[in-house]
Amino acid sequence: MHYSKDFLQSGHRDSTWRSYFMTIAAAINMDVDQPMPENRRNLKDAIGELKRAGILTGGSKFVDQDMLILTRQEGEKPAKRKPKLPA
């Protein structure tokens, strides 16, 4: 899921997030109308993929049925924001 890395580099300055899983699903433009178990499975797959790519740490996971903790690997920096153009 390529959009997951984009979310992690979207300007969040903290390296760790703890959030309700559907909040993350909506933030990365997943189809939130799917059944919740399917969204959980898709997020687990995405987290595993990002761990294997070295973007998330091994501690990134569901901490209970509905809460996620995501920790960006040290050295993975958020993307720099483009300067705003004058109006």
PDB file of N, CA and C in Angstrom:
ATOM      1  N   MET A   1       0.847  -1.182   0.000  1.00  0.00           N
ATOM      2  CA  MET A   1       0.000   0.000   0.000  1.00  0.00           C
ATOM      3  C   MET A   1       0.885   1.236   0.000  1.00  0.00           C
ATOM      4  N   HIS A   2       1.120   1.779  -1.144  1.00  0.00           N
ATOM      5  CA  HIS A   2       2.032   2.905  -1.280  1.00  0.00           C
ATOM      6  C   HIS A   2       1.573   4.135  -0.514  1.00  0.00           C
ATOM      7  N   TYR A   3       0.278   4.326  -0.352  1.00  0.00           N
ATOM      8  CA  TYR A   3      -0.214   5.535   0.293  1.00  0.00           C
ATOM      9  C   TYR A   3       0.076   5.546   1.777  1.00  0.00           C
ATOM     10  N   SER A   4       0.385   4.393   2.381  1.00  0.00           N
ATOM     11  CA  SER A   4       0.696   4.348   3.804  1.00  0.00           C
ATOM     12  C   SER A   4       1.975   5.106   4.101  1.00  0.00           C
ATOM     13  N   LYS A   5       3.009   4.915   3.248  1.00  0.00           N
ATOM     14  CA  LYS A   5       4.256   5.646   3.454  1.00  0.00           C
ATOM     15  C   LYS A   5       4.018   7.137   3.286  1.00  0.00           C
ATOM     16  N   ASP A   6       3.194   7.518   2.315  1.00  0.00           N
ATOM     17  CA  ASP A   6       2.884   8.933   2.121  1.00  0.00           C
ATOM     18  C   ASP A   6       2.285   9.526   3.390  1.00  0.00           C
ATOM     19  N   PHE A   7       1.394   8.788   4.030  1.00  0.00           N
ATOM     20  CA  PHE A   7       0.788   9.262   5.272  1.00  0.00           C
ATOM     21  C   PHE A   7       1.852   9.461   6.341  1.00  0.00           C
ATOM     22  N   LEU A   8       2.770   8.503   6.460  1.00  0.00           N
ATOM     23  CA  LEU A   8       3.800   8.594   7.492  1.00  0.00           C
ATOM     24  C   LEU A   8       4.752   9.754   7.257  1.00  0.00           C
ATOM     25  N   GLN A   9       4.872  10.184   6.025  1.00  0.00           N
ATOM     26  CA  GLN A   9       5.765  11.288   5.710  1.00  0.00           C
ATOM     27  C   GLN A   9       4.997  12.577   5.461  1.00  0.00           C
ATOM     28  N   SER A  10       3.774  12.645   5.928  1.00  0.00           N
ATOM     29  CA  SER A  10       2.890  13.754   5.570  1.00  0.00           C
ATOM     30  C   SER A  10       3.089  15.021   6.386  1.00  0.00           C
ATOM     31  N   GLY A  11       4.109  15.083   7.187  1.00  0.00           N
ATOM     32  CA  GLY A  11       4.328  16.300   7.944  1.00  0.00           C
ATOM     33  C   GLY A  11       4.121  16.119   9.434  1.00  0.00           C
ATOM     34  N   HIS A  12       3.713  14.949   9.856  1.00  0.00           N
ATOM     35  CA  HIS A  12       3.616  14.684  11.287  1.00  0.00           C
ATOM     36  C   HIS A  12       5.030  14.694  11.853  1.00  0.00           C
ATOM     37  N   ARG A  13       5.274  15.469  12.854  1.00  0.00           N
ATOM     38  CA  ARG A  13       6.629  15.589  13.396  1.00  0.00           C
ATOM     39  C   ARG A  13       6.909  14.539  14.465  1.00  0.00           C
ATOM     40  N   ASP A  14       5.878  14.020  15.085  1.00  0.00           N
ATOM     41  CA  ASP A  14       6.083  12.970  16.078  1.00  0.00           C
ATOM     42  C   ASP A  14       6.408  11.671  15.365  1.00  0.00           C
ATOM     43  N   SER A  15       7.234  10.850  15.993  1.00  0.00           N
ATOM     44  CA  SER A  15       7.584   9.577  15.361  1.00  0.00           C
ATOM     45  C   SER A  15       6.614   8.464  15.764  1.00  0.00           C
ATOM     46  N   THR A  16       5.733   8.720  16.738  1.00  0.00           N
ATOM     47  CA  THR A  16       4.788   7.699  17.185  1.00  0.00           C
ATOM     48  C   THR A  16       3.375   8.261  17.200  1.00  0.00           C
ATOM     49  N   TRP A  17       2.441   7.453  16.695  1.00  0.00           N
ATOM     50  CA  TRP A  17       1.023   7.802  16.733  1.00  0.00           C
ATOM     51  C   TRP A  17       0.276   6.673  17.421  1.00  0.00           C
ATOM     52  N   ARG A  18      -0.728   7.037  18.177  1.00  0.00           N
ATOM     53  CA  ARG A  18      -1.656   6.065  18.753  1.00  0.00           C
ATOM     54  C   ARG A  18      -3.034   6.572  18.355  1.00  0.00           C
ATOM     55  N   SER A  19      -3.798   5.713  17.677  1.00  0.00           N
ATOM     56  CA  SER A  19      -5.072   6.183  17.149  1.00  0.00           C
ATOM     57  C   SER A  19      -6.045   5.023  16.942  1.00  0.00           C
ATOM     58  N   TYR A  20      -7.315   5.363  16.905  1.00  0.00           N
ATOM     59  CA  TYR A  20      -8.365   4.432  16.520  1.00  0.00           C
ATOM     60  C   TYR A  20      -8.097   4.013  15.076  1.00  0.00           C
ATOM     61  N   PHE A  21      -8.184   2.728  14.782  1.00  0.00           N
ATOM     62  CA  PHE A  21      -7.778   2.221  13.469  1.00  0.00           C
ATOM     63  C   PHE A  21      -8.573   2.814  12.314  1.00  0.00           C
ATOM     64  N   MET A  22      -9.832   3.157  12.513  1.00  0.00           N
ATOM     65  CA  MET A  22     -10.619   3.730  11.427  1.00  0.00           C
ATOM     66  C   MET A  22     -10.190   5.168  11.112  1.00  0.00           C
ATOM     67  N   THR A  23      -9.611   5.862  12.085  1.00  0.00           N
ATOM     68  CA  THR A  23      -9.063   7.196  11.832  1.00  0.00           C
ATOM     69  C   THR A  23      -7.892   7.089  10.863  1.00  0.00           C
ATOM     70  N   ILE A  24      -7.016   6.111  11.107  1.00  0.00           N
ATOM     71  CA  ILE A  24      -5.880   5.883  10.206  1.00  0.00           C
ATOM     72  C   ILE A  24      -6.399   5.434   8.836  1.00  0.00           C
ATOM     73  N   ALA A  25      -7.369   4.534   8.824  1.00  0.00           N
ATOM     74  CA  ALA A  25      -7.926   4.043   7.555  1.00  0.00           C
ATOM     75  C   ALA A  25      -8.473   5.206   6.725  1.00  0.00           C
ATOM     76  N   ALA A  26      -9.188   6.111   7.352  1.00  0.00           N
ATOM     77  CA  ALA A  26      -9.733   7.271   6.630  1.00  0.00           C
ATOM     78  C   ALA A  26      -8.606   8.190   6.168  1.00  0.00           C
ATOM     79  N   ALA A  27      -7.570   8.362   6.991  1.00  0.00           N
ATOM     80  CA  ALA A  27      -6.465   9.253   6.650  1.00  0.00           C
ATOM     81  C   ALA A  27      -5.689   8.769   5.428  1.00  0.00           C
ATOM     82  N   ILE A  28      -5.659   7.465   5.211  1.00  0.00           N
ATOM     83  CA  ILE A  28      -4.923   6.940   4.051  1.00  0.00           C
ATOM     84  C   ILE A  28      -5.872   6.547   2.922  1.00  0.00           C
ATOM     85  N   ASN A  29      -7.078   7.067   2.998  1.00  0.00           N
ATOM     86  CA  ASN A  29      -8.081   6.898   1.929  1.00  0.00           C
ATOM     87  C   ASN A  29      -8.485   5.447   1.673  1.00  0.00           C
ATOM     88  N   MET A  30      -8.535   4.654   2.723  1.00  0.00           N
ATOM     89  CA  MET A  30      -9.079   3.303   2.584  1.00  0.00           C
ATOM     90  C   MET A  30     -10.594   3.408   2.459  1.00  0.00           C
ATOM     91  N   ASP A  31     -11.193   2.393   1.911  1.00  0.00           N
ATOM     92  CA  ASP A  31     -12.648   2.345   1.789  1.00  0.00           C
ATOM     93  C   ASP A  31     -13.216   2.008   3.168  1.00  0.00           C
ATOM     94  N   VAL A  32     -13.623   3.025   3.907  1.00  0.00           N
ATOM     95  CA  VAL A  32     -14.098   2.819   5.274  1.00  0.00           C
ATOM     96  C   VAL A  32     -15.497   2.206   5.312  1.00  0.00           C
ATOM     97  N   ASP A  33     -16.123   2.016   4.145  1.00  0.00           N
ATOM     98  CA  ASP A  33     -17.417   1.351   4.098  1.00  0.00           C
ATOM     99  C   ASP A  33     -17.295  -0.169   4.056  1.00  0.00           C
ATOM    100  N   GLN A  34     -16.048  -0.671   3.957  1.00  0.00           N
ATOM    101  CA  GLN A  34     -15.832  -2.119   4.013  1.00  0.00           C
ATOM    102  C   GLN A  34     -16.163  -2.612   5.423  1.00  0.00           C
ATOM    103  N   PRO A  35     -16.383  -3.895   5.578  1.00  0.00           N
ATOM    104  CA  PRO A  35     -16.568  -4.424   6.936  1.00  0.00           C
ATOM    105  C   PRO A  35     -15.319  -4.142   7.784  1.00  0.00           C
ATOM    106  N   MET A  36     -15.520  -3.862   9.058  1.00  0.00           N
ATOM    107  CA  MET A  36     -14.404  -3.521   9.948  1.00  0.00           C
ATOM    108  C   MET A  36     -13.325  -4.609   9.983  1.00  0.00           C
ATOM    109  N   PRO A  37     -13.682  -5.900  10.010  1.00  0.00           N
ATOM    110  CA  PRO A  37     -12.622  -6.917  10.008  1.00  0.00           C
ATOM    111  C   PRO A  37     -11.727  -6.834   8.764  1.00  0.00           C
ATOM    112  N   GLU A  38     -12.307  -6.475   7.637  1.00  0.00           N
ATOM    113  CA  GLU A  38     -11.518  -6.342   6.409  1.00  0.00           C
ATOM    114  C   GLU A  38     -10.562  -5.147   6.505  1.00  0.00           C
ATOM    115  N   ASN A  39     -11.041  -4.034   7.078  1.00  0.00           N
ATOM    116  CA  ASN A  39     -10.168  -2.875   7.271  1.00  0.00           C
ATOM    117  C   ASN A  39      -9.032  -3.210   8.235  1.00  0.00           C
ATOM    118  N   ARG A  40      -9.334  -3.947   9.302  1.00  0.00           N
ATOM    119  CA  ARG A  40      -8.274  -4.363  10.236  1.00  0.00           C
ATOM    120  C   ARG A  40      -7.219  -5.205   9.512  1.00  0.00           C
ATOM    121  N   ARG A  41      -7.693  -6.160   8.724  1.00  0.00           N
ATOM    122  CA  ARG A  41      -6.771  -7.049   8.004  1.00  0.00           C
ATOM    123  C   ARG A  41      -5.911  -6.250   7.033  1.00  0.00           C
ATOM    124  N   ASN A  42      -6.522  -5.323   6.290  1.00  0.00           N
ATOM    125  CA  ASN A  42      -5.767  -4.502   5.346  1.00  0.00           C
ATOM    126  C   ASN A  42      -4.727  -3.635   6.057  1.00  0.00           C
ATOM    127  N   LEU A  43      -5.097  -3.086   7.210  1.00  0.00           N
ATOM    128  CA  LEU A  43      -4.136  -2.285   7.967  1.00  0.00           C
ATOM    129  C   LEU A  43      -3.005  -3.150   8.510  1.00  0.00           C
ATOM    130  N   LYS A  44      -3.332  -4.343   8.998  1.00  0.00           N
ATOM    131  CA  LYS A  44      -2.276  -5.254   9.479  1.00  0.00           C
ATOM    132  C   LYS A  44      -1.313  -5.588   8.346  1.00  0.00           C
ATOM    133  N   ASP A  45      -1.840  -5.838   7.156  1.00  0.00           N
ATOM    134  CA  ASP A  45      -0.991  -6.122   5.994  1.00  0.00           C
ATOM    135  C   ASP A  45      -0.095  -4.924   5.675  1.00  0.00           C
ATOM    136  N   ALA A  46      -0.671  -3.728   5.696  1.00  0.00           N
ATOM    137  CA  ALA A  46       0.097  -2.510   5.389  1.00  0.00           C
ATOM    138  C   ALA A  46       1.189  -2.281   6.428  1.00  0.00           C
ATOM    139  N   ILE A  47       0.872  -2.495   7.701  1.00  0.00           N
ATOM    140  CA  ILE A  47       1.868  -2.326   8.764  1.00  0.00           C
ATOM    141  C   ILE A  47       3.012  -3.314   8.561  1.00  0.00           C
ATOM    142  N   GLY A  48       2.679  -4.565   8.248  1.00  0.00           N
ATOM    143  CA  GLY A  48       3.710  -5.572   8.001  1.00  0.00           C
ATOM    144  C   GLY A  48       4.604  -5.177   6.835  1.00  0.00           C
ATOM    145  N   GLU A  49       4.006  -4.660   5.781  1.00  0.00           N
ATOM    146  CA  GLU A  49       4.764  -4.235   4.609  1.00  0.00           C
ATOM    147  C   GLU A  49       5.703  -3.071   4.951  1.00  0.00           C
ATOM    148  N   LEU A  50       5.216  -2.128   5.752  1.00  0.00           N
ATOM    149  CA  LEU A  50       6.038  -0.983   6.136  1.00  0.00           C
ATOM    150  C   LEU A  50       7.143  -1.377   7.114  1.00  0.00           C
ATOM    151  N   LYS A  51       6.896  -2.383   7.939  1.00  0.00           N
ATOM    152  CA  LYS A  51       7.955  -2.908   8.812  1.00  0.00           C
ATOM    153  C   LYS A  51       9.049  -3.555   7.975  1.00  0.00           C
ATOM    154  N   ARG A  52       8.654  -4.395   7.009  1.00  0.00           N
ATOM    155  CA  ARG A  52       9.637  -5.065   6.153  1.00  0.00           C
ATOM    156  C   ARG A  52      10.446  -4.065   5.334  1.00  0.00           C
ATOM    157  N   ALA A  53       9.835  -2.948   4.987  1.00  0.00           N
ATOM    158  CA  ALA A  53      10.524  -1.914   4.220  1.00  0.00           C
ATOM    159  C   ALA A  53      11.413  -1.037   5.103  1.00  0.00           C
ATOM    160  N   GLY A  54      11.352  -1.252   6.424  1.00  0.00           N
ATOM    161  CA  GLY A  54      12.185  -0.473   7.333  1.00  0.00           C
ATOM    162  C   GLY A  54      11.650   0.910   7.637  1.00  0.00           C
ATOM    163  N   ILE A  55      10.376   1.132   7.385  1.00  0.00           N
ATOM    164  CA  ILE A  55       9.768   2.439   7.617  1.00  0.00           C
ATOM    165  C   ILE A  55       9.160   2.516   9.017  1.00  0.00           C
ATOM    166  N   LEU A  56       8.544   1.413   9.466  1.00  0.00           N
ATOM    167  CA  LEU A  56       7.985   1.335  10.815  1.00  0.00           C
ATOM    168  C   LEU A  56       8.826   0.384  11.661  1.00  0.00           C
ATOM    169  N   THR A  57       8.801   0.613  12.975  1.00  0.00           N
ATOM    170  CA  THR A  57       9.500  -0.280  13.901  1.00  0.00           C
ATOM    171  C   THR A  57       8.658  -1.524  14.177  1.00  0.00           C
ATOM    172  N   GLY A  58       9.292  -2.508  14.788  1.00  0.00           N
ATOM    173  CA  GLY A  58       8.591  -3.739  15.149  1.00  0.00           C
ATOM    174  C   GLY A  58       7.481  -3.527  16.162  1.00  0.00           C
ATOM    175  N   GLY A  59       7.504  -2.411  16.879  1.00  0.00           N
ATOM    176  CA  GLY A  59       6.470  -2.132  17.873  1.00  0.00           C
ATOM    177  C   GLY A  59       5.188  -1.566  17.278  1.00  0.00           C
ATOM    178  N   SER A  60       5.170  -1.355  15.989  1.00  0.00           N
ATOM    179  CA  SER A  60       3.959  -0.828  15.326  1.00  0.00           C
ATOM    180  C   SER A  60       2.967  -1.965  15.179  1.00  0.00           C
ATOM    181  N   LYS A  61       1.772  -1.783  15.756  1.00  0.00           N
ATOM    182  CA  LYS A  61       0.798  -2.884  15.764  1.00  0.00           C
ATOM    183  C   LYS A  61      -0.532  -2.416  16.334  1.00  0.00           C
ATOM    184  N   PHE A  62      -1.493  -3.318  16.260  1.00  0.00           N
ATOM    185  CA  PHE A  62      -2.742  -3.125  16.993  1.00  0.00           C
ATOM    186  C   PHE A  62      -2.429  -3.416  18.454  1.00  0.00           C
ATOM    187  N   VAL A  63      -2.782  -2.494  19.341  1.00  0.00           N
ATOM    188  CA  VAL A  63      -2.543  -2.726  20.766  1.00  0.00           C
ATOM    189  C   VAL A  63      -3.783  -3.293  21.453  1.00  0.00           C
ATOM    190  N   ASP A  64      -4.896  -3.210  20.810  1.00  0.00           N
ATOM    191  CA  ASP A  64      -6.097  -3.949  21.170  1.00  0.00           C
ATOM    192  C   ASP A  64      -6.920  -4.033  19.891  1.00  0.00           C
ATOM    193  N   GLN A  65      -8.138  -4.441  19.966  1.00  0.00           N
ATOM    194  CA  GLN A  65      -8.901  -4.684  18.743  1.00  0.00           C
ATOM    195  C   GLN A  65      -9.045  -3.445  17.867  1.00  0.00           C
ATOM    196  N   ASP A  66      -9.157  -2.278  18.481  1.00  0.00           N
ATOM    197  CA  ASP A  66      -9.459  -1.074  17.704  1.00  0.00           C
ATOM    198  C   ASP A  66      -8.390   0.011  17.726  1.00  0.00           C
ATOM    199  N   MET A  67      -7.345  -0.139  18.522  1.00  0.00           N
ATOM    200  CA  MET A  67      -6.324   0.899  18.642  1.00  0.00           C
ATOM    201  C   MET A  67      -5.016   0.463  17.996  1.00  0.00           C
ATOM    202  N   LEU A  68      -4.434   1.391  17.248  1.00  0.00           N
ATOM    203  CA  LEU A  68      -3.151   1.165  16.579  1.00  0.00           C
ATOM    204  C   LEU A  68      -2.084   2.035  17.207  1.00  0.00           C
ATOM    205  N   ILE A  69      -0.881   1.519  17.246  1.00  0.00           N
ATOM    206  CA  ILE A  69       0.269   2.342  17.556  1.00  0.00           C
ATOM    207  C   ILE A  69       1.234   2.165  16.394  1.00  0.00           C
ATOM    208  N   LEU A  70       1.655   3.278  15.819  1.00  0.00           N
ATOM    209  CA  LEU A  70       2.585   3.278  14.698  1.00  0.00           C
ATOM    210  C   LEU A  70       3.805   4.082  15.104  1.00  0.00           C
ATOM    211  N   THR A  71       4.987   3.483  14.967  1.00  0.00           N
ATOM    212  CA  THR A  71       6.230   4.173  15.298  1.00  0.00           C
ATOM    213  C   THR A  71       7.137   4.156  14.088  1.00  0.00           C
ATOM    214  N   ARG A  72       7.468   5.345  13.634  1.00  0.00           N
ATOM    215  CA  ARG A  72       8.348   5.497  12.472  1.00  0.00           C
ATOM    216  C   ARG A  72       9.769   5.114  12.881  1.00  0.00           C
ATOM    217  N   GLN A  73      10.458   4.399  12.009  1.00  0.00           N
ATOM    218  CA  GLN A  73      11.843   4.001  12.211  1.00  0.00           C
ATOM    219  C   GLN A  73      12.703   5.255  12.356  1.00  0.00           C
ATOM    220  N   GLU A  74      13.663   5.231  13.239  1.00  0.00           N
ATOM    221  CA  GLU A  74      14.570   6.365  13.378  1.00  0.00           C
ATOM    222  C   GLU A  74      15.283   6.594  12.051  1.00  0.00           C
ATOM    223  N   GLY A  75      15.406   7.815  11.667  1.00  0.00           N
ATOM    224  CA  GLY A  75      16.018   8.122  10.384  1.00  0.00           C
ATOM    225  C   GLY A  75      14.985   8.351   9.293  1.00  0.00           C
ATOM    226  N   GLU A  76      13.758   7.847   9.463  1.00  0.00           N
ATOM    227  CA  GLU A  76      12.674   8.118   8.505  1.00  0.00           C
ATOM    228  C   GLU A  76      12.098   9.473   8.877  1.00  0.00           C
ATOM    229  N   LYS A  77      12.363  10.437   8.076  1.00  0.00           N
ATOM    230  CA  LYS A  77      11.916  11.807   8.345  1.00  0.00           C
ATOM    231  C   LYS A  77      10.648  12.120   7.580  1.00  0.00           C
ATOM    232  N   PRO A  78       9.808  12.958   8.163  1.00  0.00           N
ATOM    233  CA  PRO A  78       8.634  13.393   7.402  1.00  0.00           C
ATOM    234  C   PRO A  78       9.068  14.217   6.207  1.00  0.00           C
ATOM    235  N   ALA A  79       8.275  14.213   5.185  1.00  0.00           N
ATOM    236  CA  ALA A  79       8.575  14.999   3.988  1.00  0.00           C
ATOM    237  C   ALA A  79       8.556  16.479   4.340  1.00  0.00           C
ATOM    238  N   LYS A  80       9.422  17.230   3.719  1.00  0.00           N
ATOM    239  CA  LYS A  80       9.422  18.677   3.950  1.00  0.00           C
ATOM    240  C   LYS A  80       8.234  19.282   3.237  1.00  0.00           C
ATOM    241  N   ARG A  81       7.606  20.205   3.914  1.00  0.00           N
ATOM    242  CA  ARG A  81       6.450  20.871   3.311  1.00  0.00           C
ATOM    243  C   ARG A  81       6.925  21.881   2.279  1.00  0.00           C
ATOM    244  N   LYS A  82       6.154  21.982   1.216  1.00  0.00           N
ATOM    245  CA  LYS A  82       6.452  22.973   0.192  1.00  0.00           C
ATOM    246  C   LYS A  82       6.053  24.331   0.721  1.00  0.00           C
ATOM    247  N   PRO A  83       6.857  25.352   0.442  1.00  0.00           N
ATOM    248  CA  PRO A  83       6.486  26.695   0.908  1.00  0.00           C
ATOM    249  C   PRO A  83       5.200  27.167   0.234  1.00  0.00           C
ATOM    250  N   LYS A  84       4.422  27.898   0.980  1.00  0.00           N
ATOM    251  CA  LYS A  84       3.181  28.446   0.420  1.00  0.00           C
ATOM    252  C   LYS A  84       3.532  29.595  -0.510  1.00  0.00           C
ATOM    253  N   LEU A  85       2.840  29.629  -1.604  1.00  0.00           N
ATOM    254  CA  LEU A  85       3.035  30.720  -2.561  1.00  0.00           C
ATOM    255  C   LEU A  85       2.261  31.947  -2.096  1.00  0.00           C
ATOM    256  N   PRO A  86       2.819  33.123  -2.322  1.00  0.00           N
ATOM    257  CA  PRO A  86       2.077  34.332  -1.910  1.00  0.00           C
ATOM    258  C   PRO A  86       0.772  34.449  -2.691  1.00  0.00           C
ATOM    259  N   ALA A  87      -0.209  34.989  -2.035  1.00  0.00           N
ATOM    260  CA  ALA A  87      -1.538  35.137  -2.660  1.00  0.00           C
ATOM    261  C   ALA A  87      -1.585  36.269  -3.634  1.00  0.00           C
TER     262      ALA A  87
END
